[in-house]
Amino acid sequence: RLVPVLALLAATLSAAPAHPQAALDPASSQGLAET
């Protein structure tokens, strides 16, 4: 029961950018840090 709640929360609160990368670029790193 916890996993879907955690997944929903992570999805709704995410601040990560919307483009694919092989490694985290500065914008992704910043978005992750803010989240």
PDB file of all heavy atoms in Angstrom:
ATOM      1  N   ARG A   1       0.822  -1.209   0.000  1.00  0.00           N
ATOM      2  CA  ARG A   1       0.000   0.000   0.000  1.00  0.00           C
ATOM      3  C   ARG A   1       0.855   1.256   0.000  1.00  0.00           C
ATOM      4  O   ARG A   1       0.421   2.293  -0.476  1.00  0.00           O
ATOM      5  CB  ARG A   1      -0.932   0.007   1.213  1.00  0.00           C
ATOM      6  CG  ARG A   1      -2.017  -1.047   1.107  1.00  0.00           C
ATOM      7  CD  ARG A   1      -2.992  -0.917   2.210  1.00  0.00           C
ATOM      8  NE  ARG A   1      -2.282  -0.997   3.475  1.00  0.00           N
ATOM      9  CZ  ARG A   1      -2.851  -0.941   4.657  1.00  0.00           C
ATOM     10  NH1 ARG A   1      -4.130  -0.805   4.765  1.00  0.00           N
ATOM     11  NH2 ARG A   1      -2.150  -1.020   5.754  1.00  0.00           N
ATOM     12  N   LEU A   2       2.062   1.193   0.536  1.00  0.00           N
ATOM     13  CA  LEU A   2       2.936   2.366   0.608  1.00  0.00           C
ATOM     14  C   LEU A   2       3.523   2.747  -0.741  1.00  0.00           C
ATOM     15  O   LEU A   2       3.630   3.926  -1.050  1.00  0.00           O
ATOM     16  CB  LEU A   2       4.087   2.111   1.578  1.00  0.00           C
ATOM     17  CG  LEU A   2       3.748   2.147   3.044  1.00  0.00           C
ATOM     18  CD1 LEU A   2       4.947   1.685   3.862  1.00  0.00           C
ATOM     19  CD2 LEU A   2       3.322   3.521   3.466  1.00  0.00           C
ATOM     20  N   VAL A   3       3.905   1.774  -1.540  1.00  0.00           N
ATOM     21  CA  VAL A   3       4.597   2.071  -2.793  1.00  0.00           C
ATOM     22  C   VAL A   3       3.756   2.952  -3.710  1.00  0.00           C
ATOM     23  O   VAL A   3       4.252   3.962  -4.215  1.00  0.00           O
ATOM     24  CB  VAL A   3       5.084   0.785  -3.492  1.00  0.00           C
ATOM     25  CG1 VAL A   3       5.584   1.073  -4.892  1.00  0.00           C
ATOM     26  CG2 VAL A   3       6.195   0.140  -2.664  1.00  0.00           C
ATOM     27  N   PRO A   4       2.464   2.643  -3.944  1.00  0.00           N
ATOM     28  CA  PRO A   4       1.693   3.545  -4.814  1.00  0.00           C
ATOM     29  C   PRO A   4       1.546   4.957  -4.241  1.00  0.00           C
ATOM     30  O   PRO A   4       1.564   5.929  -4.997  1.00  0.00           O
ATOM     31  CB  PRO A   4       0.330   2.846  -4.934  1.00  0.00           C
ATOM     32  CG  PRO A   4       0.598   1.423  -4.623  1.00  0.00           C
ATOM     33  CD  PRO A   4       1.720   1.434  -3.624  1.00  0.00           C
ATOM     34  N   VAL A   5       1.420   5.073  -2.934  1.00  0.00           N
ATOM     35  CA  VAL A   5       1.316   6.404  -2.326  1.00  0.00           C
ATOM     36  C   VAL A   5       2.621   7.167  -2.519  1.00  0.00           C
ATOM     37  O   VAL A   5       2.624   8.342  -2.895  1.00  0.00           O
ATOM     38  CB  VAL A   5       0.952   6.311  -0.829  1.00  0.00           C
ATOM     39  CG1 VAL A   5       0.997   7.675  -0.163  1.00  0.00           C
ATOM     40  CG2 VAL A   5      -0.423   5.681  -0.654  1.00  0.00           C
ATOM     41  N   LEU A   6       3.740   6.499  -2.289  1.00  0.00           N
ATOM     42  CA  LEU A   6       5.040   7.141  -2.497  1.00  0.00           C
ATOM     43  C   LEU A   6       5.227   7.513  -3.960  1.00  0.00           C
ATOM     44  O   LEU A   6       5.739   8.586  -4.269  1.00  0.00           O
ATOM     45  CB  LEU A   6       6.167   6.211  -2.041  1.00  0.00           C
ATOM     46  CG  LEU A   6       6.314   6.063  -0.531  1.00  0.00           C
ATOM     47  CD1 LEU A   6       7.143   4.833  -0.209  1.00  0.00           C
ATOM     48  CD2 LEU A   6       6.923   7.295   0.084  1.00  0.00           C
ATOM     49  N   ALA A   7       4.810   6.647  -4.861  1.00  0.00           N
ATOM     50  CA  ALA A   7       4.947   6.926  -6.293  1.00  0.00           C
ATOM     51  C   ALA A   7       4.108   8.129  -6.693  1.00  0.00           C
ATOM     52  O   ALA A   7       4.573   9.012  -7.418  1.00  0.00           O
ATOM     53  CB  ALA A   7       4.550   5.698  -7.116  1.00  0.00           C
ATOM     54  N   LEU A   8       2.865   8.186  -6.214  1.00  0.00           N
ATOM     55  CA  LEU A   8       1.999   9.327  -6.523  1.00  0.00           C
ATOM     56  C   LEU A   8       2.594  10.615  -5.971  1.00  0.00           C
ATOM     57  O   LEU A   8       2.637  11.637  -6.649  1.00  0.00           O
ATOM     58  CB  LEU A   8       0.599   9.095  -5.959  1.00  0.00           C
ATOM     59  CG  LEU A   8      -0.385  10.249  -6.098  1.00  0.00           C
ATOM     60  CD1 LEU A   8      -0.642  10.563  -7.569  1.00  0.00           C
ATOM     61  CD2 LEU A   8      -1.692   9.924  -5.388  1.00  0.00           C
ATOM     62  N   LEU A   9       3.087  10.552  -4.756  1.00  0.00           N
ATOM     63  CA  LEU A   9       3.674  11.738  -4.150  1.00  0.00           C
ATOM     64  C   LEU A   9       4.887  12.210  -4.932  1.00  0.00           C
ATOM     65  O   LEU A   9       5.017  13.401  -5.225  1.00  0.00           O
ATOM     66  CB  LEU A   9       4.060  11.441  -2.707  1.00  0.00           C
ATOM     67  CG  LEU A   9       4.543  12.642  -1.936  1.00  0.00           C
ATOM     68  CD1 LEU A   9       3.384  13.605  -1.695  1.00  0.00           C
ATOM     69  CD2 LEU A   9       5.126  12.214  -0.621  1.00  0.00           C
ATOM     70  N   ALA A  10       5.754  11.291  -5.293  1.00  0.00           N
ATOM     71  CA  ALA A  10       6.946  11.672  -6.058  1.00  0.00           C
ATOM     72  C   ALA A  10       6.560  12.291  -7.393  1.00  0.00           C
ATOM     73  O   ALA A  10       7.154  13.285  -7.817  1.00  0.00           O
ATOM     74  CB  ALA A  10       7.844  10.451  -6.272  1.00  0.00           C
ATOM     75  N   ALA A  11       5.550  11.738  -8.039  1.00  0.00           N
ATOM     76  CA  ALA A  11       5.130  12.277  -9.336  1.00  0.00           C
ATOM     77  C   ALA A  11       4.526  13.660  -9.211  1.00  0.00           C
ATOM     78  O   ALA A  11       4.796  14.547 -10.019  1.00  0.00           O
ATOM     79  CB  ALA A  11       4.129  11.337 -10.001  1.00  0.00           C
ATOM     80  N   THR A  12       3.727  13.883  -8.193  1.00  0.00           N
ATOM     81  CA  THR A  12       3.032  15.160  -8.086  1.00  0.00           C
ATOM     82  C   THR A  12       3.917  16.271  -7.550  1.00  0.00           C
ATOM     83  O   THR A  12       3.634  17.446  -7.788  1.00  0.00           O
ATOM     84  CB  THR A  12       1.775  15.041  -7.201  1.00  0.00           C
ATOM     85  OG1 THR A  12       2.144  14.555  -5.913  1.00  0.00           O
ATOM     86  CG2 THR A  12       0.748  14.122  -7.835  1.00  0.00           C
ATOM     87  N   LEU A  13       4.981  15.931  -6.870  1.00  0.00           N
ATOM     88  CA  LEU A  13       5.843  16.958  -6.296  1.00  0.00           C
ATOM     89  C   LEU A  13       7.144  17.148  -7.068  1.00  0.00           C
ATOM     90  O   LEU A  13       7.959  17.980  -6.703  1.00  0.00           O
ATOM     91  CB  LEU A  13       6.162  16.625  -4.835  1.00  0.00           C
ATOM     92  CG  LEU A  13       4.973  16.621  -3.891  1.00  0.00           C
ATOM     93  CD1 LEU A  13       5.430  16.225  -2.496  1.00  0.00           C
ATOM     94  CD2 LEU A  13       4.281  17.957  -3.856  1.00  0.00           C
ATOM     95  N   SER A  14       7.337  16.409  -8.138  1.00  0.00           N
ATOM     96  CA  SER A  14       8.591  16.452  -8.887  1.00  0.00           C
ATOM     97  C   SER A  14       8.808  17.803  -9.556  1.00  0.00           C
ATOM     98  O   SER A  14       7.908  18.375 -10.134  1.00  0.00           O
ATOM     99  CB  SER A  14       8.598  15.364  -9.957  1.00  0.00           C
ATOM    100  OG  SER A  14       9.753  15.490 -10.748  1.00  0.00           O
ATOM    101  N   ALA A  15      10.052  18.267  -9.493  1.00  0.00           N
ATOM    102  CA  ALA A  15      10.420  19.515 -10.168  1.00  0.00           C
ATOM    103  C   ALA A  15      11.474  19.273 -11.237  1.00  0.00           C
ATOM    104  O   ALA A  15      12.136  20.196 -11.672  1.00  0.00           O
ATOM    105  CB  ALA A  15      10.943  20.511  -9.137  1.00  0.00           C
ATOM    106  N   ALA A  16      11.661  18.021 -11.662  1.00  0.00           N
ATOM    107  CA  ALA A  16      12.704  17.697 -12.632  1.00  0.00           C
ATOM    108  C   ALA A  16      12.313  18.157 -14.029  1.00  0.00           C
ATOM    109  O   ALA A  16      11.153  18.233 -14.370  1.00  0.00           O
ATOM    110  CB  ALA A  16      12.950  16.180 -12.636  1.00  0.00           C
ATOM    111  N   PRO A  17      13.298  18.493 -14.895  1.00  0.00           N
ATOM    112  CA  PRO A  17      13.016  18.929 -16.258  1.00  0.00           C
ATOM    113  C   PRO A  17      12.536  17.776 -17.134  1.00  0.00           C
ATOM    114  O   PRO A  17      12.740  16.621 -16.810  1.00  0.00           O
ATOM    115  CB  PRO A  17      14.372  19.456 -16.741  1.00  0.00           C
ATOM    116  CG  PRO A  17      15.362  18.709 -15.929  1.00  0.00           C
ATOM    117  CD  PRO A  17      14.714  18.468 -14.589  1.00  0.00           C
ATOM    118  N   ALA A  18      11.901  18.117 -18.266  1.00  0.00           N
ATOM    119  CA  ALA A  18      11.258  17.109 -19.106  1.00  0.00           C
ATOM    120  C   ALA A  18      12.061  16.785 -20.357  1.00  0.00           C
ATOM    121  O   ALA A  18      11.579  16.934 -21.462  1.00  0.00           O
ATOM    122  CB  ALA A  18       9.860  17.593 -19.484  1.00  0.00           C
ATOM    123  N   HIS A  19      13.286  16.332 -20.198  1.00  0.00           N
ATOM    124  CA  HIS A  19      14.039  15.874 -21.359  1.00  0.00           C
ATOM    125  C   HIS A  19      15.016  14.798 -20.926  1.00  0.00           C
ATOM    126  O   HIS A  19      15.535  14.818 -19.818  1.00  0.00           O
ATOM    127  CB  HIS A  19      14.767  17.035 -22.056  1.00  0.00           C
ATOM    128  CG  HIS A  19      15.585  17.878 -21.146  1.00  0.00           C
ATOM    129  ND1 HIS A  19      16.862  17.550 -20.774  1.00  0.00           N
ATOM    130  CD2 HIS A  19      15.297  19.034 -20.513  1.00  0.00           C
ATOM    131  CE1 HIS A  19      17.341  18.478 -19.946  1.00  0.00           C
ATOM    132  NE2 HIS A  19      16.419  19.377 -19.776  1.00  0.00           N
ATOM    133  N   PRO A  20      15.272  13.793 -21.799  1.00  0.00           N
ATOM    134  CA  PRO A  20      16.126  12.676 -21.414  1.00  0.00           C
ATOM    135  C   PRO A  20      17.601  13.049 -21.398  1.00  0.00           C
ATOM    136  O   PRO A  20      18.036  13.900 -22.157  1.00  0.00           O
ATOM    137  CB  PRO A  20      15.840  11.626 -22.495  1.00  0.00           C
ATOM    138  CG  PRO A  20      15.367  12.404 -23.668  1.00  0.00           C
ATOM    139  CD  PRO A  20      14.687  13.633 -23.122  1.00  0.00           C
ATOM    140  N   GLN A  21      18.350  12.385 -20.521  1.00  0.00           N
ATOM    141  CA  GLN A  21      19.790  12.561 -20.452  1.00  0.00           C
ATOM    142  C   GLN A  21      20.447  11.252 -20.054  1.00  0.00           C
ATOM    143  O   GLN A  21      19.826  10.436 -19.396  1.00  0.00           O
ATOM    144  CB  GLN A  21      20.184  13.583 -19.381  1.00  0.00           C
ATOM    145  CG  GLN A  21      19.648  14.965 -19.557  1.00  0.00           C
ATOM    146  CD  GLN A  21      18.715  15.314 -18.433  1.00  0.00           C
ATOM    147  OE1 GLN A  21      19.125  15.335 -17.303  1.00  0.00           O
ATOM    148  NE2 GLN A  21      17.487  15.578 -18.739  1.00  0.00           N
ATOM    149  N   ALA A  22      21.697  11.096 -20.441  1.00  0.00           N
ATOM    150  CA  ALA A  22      22.452   9.932 -19.999  1.00  0.00           C
ATOM    151  C   ALA A  22      22.844  10.094 -18.535  1.00  0.00           C
ATOM    152  O   ALA A  22      22.848   9.138 -17.778  1.00  0.00           O
ATOM    153  CB  ALA A  22      23.687   9.753 -20.864  1.00  0.00           C
ATOM    154  N   ALA A  23      23.196  11.303 -18.134  1.00  0.00           N
ATOM    155  CA  ALA A  23      23.528  11.614 -16.741  1.00  0.00           C
ATOM    156  C   ALA A  23      22.798  12.906 -16.407  1.00  0.00           C
ATOM    157  O   ALA A  23      22.351  13.626 -17.291  1.00  0.00           O
ATOM    158  CB  ALA A  23      25.031  11.779 -16.588  1.00  0.00           C
ATOM    159  N   LEU A  24      22.700  13.189 -15.136  1.00  0.00           N
ATOM    160  CA  LEU A  24      21.982  14.401 -14.744  1.00  0.00           C
ATOM    161  C   LEU A  24      22.767  15.639 -15.160  1.00  0.00           C
ATOM    162  O   LEU A  24      23.929  15.804 -14.796  1.00  0.00           O
ATOM    163  CB  LEU A  24      21.738  14.422 -13.237  1.00  0.00           C
ATOM    164  CG  LEU A  24      20.805  13.357 -12.694  1.00  0.00           C
ATOM    165  CD1 LEU A  24      20.612  13.549 -11.189  1.00  0.00           C
ATOM    166  CD2 LEU A  24      19.475  13.362 -13.402  1.00  0.00           C
ATOM    167  N   ASP A  25      22.111  16.492 -15.919  1.00  0.00           N
ATOM    168  CA  ASP A  25      22.712  17.767 -16.278  1.00  0.00           C
ATOM    169  C   ASP A  25      22.455  18.755 -15.142  1.00  0.00           C
ATOM    170  O   ASP A  25      21.773  18.424 -14.173  1.00  0.00           O
ATOM    171  CB  ASP A  25      22.159  18.262 -17.615  1.00  0.00           C
ATOM    172  CG  ASP A  25      20.675  18.574 -17.572  1.00  0.00           C
ATOM    173  OD1 ASP A  25      20.090  18.676 -16.475  1.00  0.00           O
ATOM    174  OD2 ASP A  25      20.081  18.727 -18.649  1.00  0.00           O
ATOM    175  N   PRO A  26      23.016  19.968 -15.220  1.00  0.00           N
ATOM    176  CA  PRO A  26      22.830  20.926 -14.128  1.00  0.00           C
ATOM    177  C   PRO A  26      21.358  21.241 -13.820  1.00  0.00           C
ATOM    178  O   PRO A  26      20.985  21.340 -12.651  1.00  0.00           O
ATOM    179  CB  PRO A  26      23.575  22.170 -14.613  1.00  0.00           C
ATOM    180  CG  PRO A  26      24.635  21.629 -15.523  1.00  0.00           C
ATOM    181  CD  PRO A  26      23.989  20.447 -16.211  1.00  0.00           C
ATOM    182  N   ALA A  27      20.518  21.358 -14.843  1.00  0.00           N
ATOM    183  CA  ALA A  27      19.102  21.656 -14.596  1.00  0.00           C
ATOM    184  C   ALA A  27      18.417  20.494 -13.871  1.00  0.00           C
ATOM    185  O   ALA A  27      17.619  20.710 -12.954  1.00  0.00           O
ATOM    186  CB  ALA A  27      18.390  21.960 -15.912  1.00  0.00           C
ATOM    187  N   SER A  28      18.731  19.262 -14.264  1.00  0.00           N
ATOM    188  CA  SER A  28      18.152  18.091 -13.603  1.00  0.00           C
ATOM    189  C   SER A  28      18.643  17.991 -12.169  1.00  0.00           C
ATOM    190  O   SER A  28      17.870  17.695 -11.251  1.00  0.00           O
ATOM    191  CB  SER A  28      18.512  16.814 -14.359  1.00  0.00           C
ATOM    192  OG  SER A  28      17.944  16.815 -15.641  1.00  0.00           O
ATOM    193  N   SER A  29      19.937  18.233 -11.985  1.00  0.00           N
ATOM    194  CA  SER A  29      20.500  18.194 -10.632  1.00  0.00           C
ATOM    195  C   SER A  29      19.846  19.239  -9.744  1.00  0.00           C
ATOM    196  O   SER A  29      19.510  18.960  -8.585  1.00  0.00           O
ATOM    197  CB  SER A  29      22.016  18.421 -10.671  1.00  0.00           C
ATOM    198  OG  SER A  29      22.653  17.340 -11.308  1.00  0.00           O
ATOM    199  N   GLN A  30      19.644  20.434 -10.287  1.00  0.00           N
ATOM    200  CA  GLN A  30      18.994  21.492  -9.520  1.00  0.00           C
ATOM    201  C   GLN A  30      17.536  21.134  -9.225  1.00  0.00           C
ATOM    202  O   GLN A  30      17.060  21.331  -8.108  1.00  0.00           O
ATOM    203  CB  GLN A  30      19.048  22.824 -10.260  1.00  0.00           C
ATOM    204  CG  GLN A  30      18.409  23.953  -9.472  1.00  0.00           C
ATOM    205  CD  GLN A  30      18.474  25.272 -10.210  1.00  0.00           C
ATOM    206  OE1 GLN A  30      19.104  25.405 -11.251  1.00  0.00           O
ATOM    207  NE2 GLN A  30      17.819  26.269  -9.643  1.00  0.00           N
ATOM    208  N   GLY A  31      16.823  20.609 -10.213  1.00  0.00           N
ATOM    209  CA  GLY A  31      15.436  20.193 -10.004  1.00  0.00           C
ATOM    210  C   GLY A  31      15.330  19.113  -8.942  1.00  0.00           C
ATOM    211  O   GLY A  31      14.446  19.153  -8.080  1.00  0.00           O
ATOM    212  N   LEU A  32      16.238  18.141  -8.989  1.00  0.00           N
ATOM    213  CA  LEU A  32      16.249  17.086  -7.984  1.00  0.00           C
ATOM    214  C   LEU A  32      16.539  17.672  -6.609  1.00  0.00           C
ATOM    215  O   LEU A  32      15.850  17.350  -5.639  1.00  0.00           O
ATOM    216  CB  LEU A  32      17.270  16.010  -8.345  1.00  0.00           C
ATOM    217  CG  LEU A  32      17.435  14.892  -7.314  1.00  0.00           C
ATOM    218  CD1 LEU A  32      16.118  14.147  -7.083  1.00  0.00           C
ATOM    219  CD2 LEU A  32      18.541  13.928  -7.761  1.00  0.00           C
ATOM    220  N   ALA A  33      17.534  18.536  -6.520  1.00  0.00           N
ATOM    221  CA  ALA A  33      17.881  19.145  -5.230  1.00  0.00           C
ATOM    222  C   ALA A  33      16.693  19.918  -4.647  1.00  0.00           C
ATOM    223  O   ALA A  33      16.406  19.830  -3.450  1.00  0.00           O
ATOM    224  CB  ALA A  33      19.093  20.062  -5.381  1.00  0.00           C
ATOM    225  N   GLU A  34      15.979  20.671  -5.496  1.00  0.00           N
ATOM    226  CA  GLU A  34      14.811  21.422  -5.035  1.00  0.00           C
ATOM    227  C   GLU A  34      13.706  20.486  -4.562  1.00  0.00           C
ATOM    228  O   GLU A  34      13.052  20.749  -3.554  1.00  0.00           O
ATOM    229  CB  GLU A  34      14.301  22.338  -6.147  1.00  0.00           C
ATOM    230  CG  GLU A  34      15.219  23.495  -6.443  1.00  0.00           C
ATOM    231  CD  GLU A  34      14.812  24.280  -7.687  1.00  0.00           C
ATOM    232  OE1 GLU A  34      13.710  24.040  -8.230  1.00  0.00           O
ATOM    233  OE2 GLU A  34      15.606  25.138  -8.106  1.00  0.00           O
ATOM    234  N   THR A  35      13.499  19.403  -5.295  1.00  0.00           N
ATOM    235  CA  THR A  35      12.467  18.436  -4.911  1.00  0.00           C
ATOM    236  C   THR A  35      12.815  17.777  -3.586  1.00  0.00           C
ATOM    237  O   THR A  35      11.960  17.651  -2.697  1.00  0.00           O
ATOM    238  CB  THR A  35      12.279  17.380  -6.014  1.00  0.00           C
ATOM    239  OG1 THR A  35      11.895  18.042  -7.216  1.00  0.00           O
ATOM    240  CG2 THR A  35      11.228  16.357  -5.630  1.00  0.00           C
TER     241      THR A  35
END
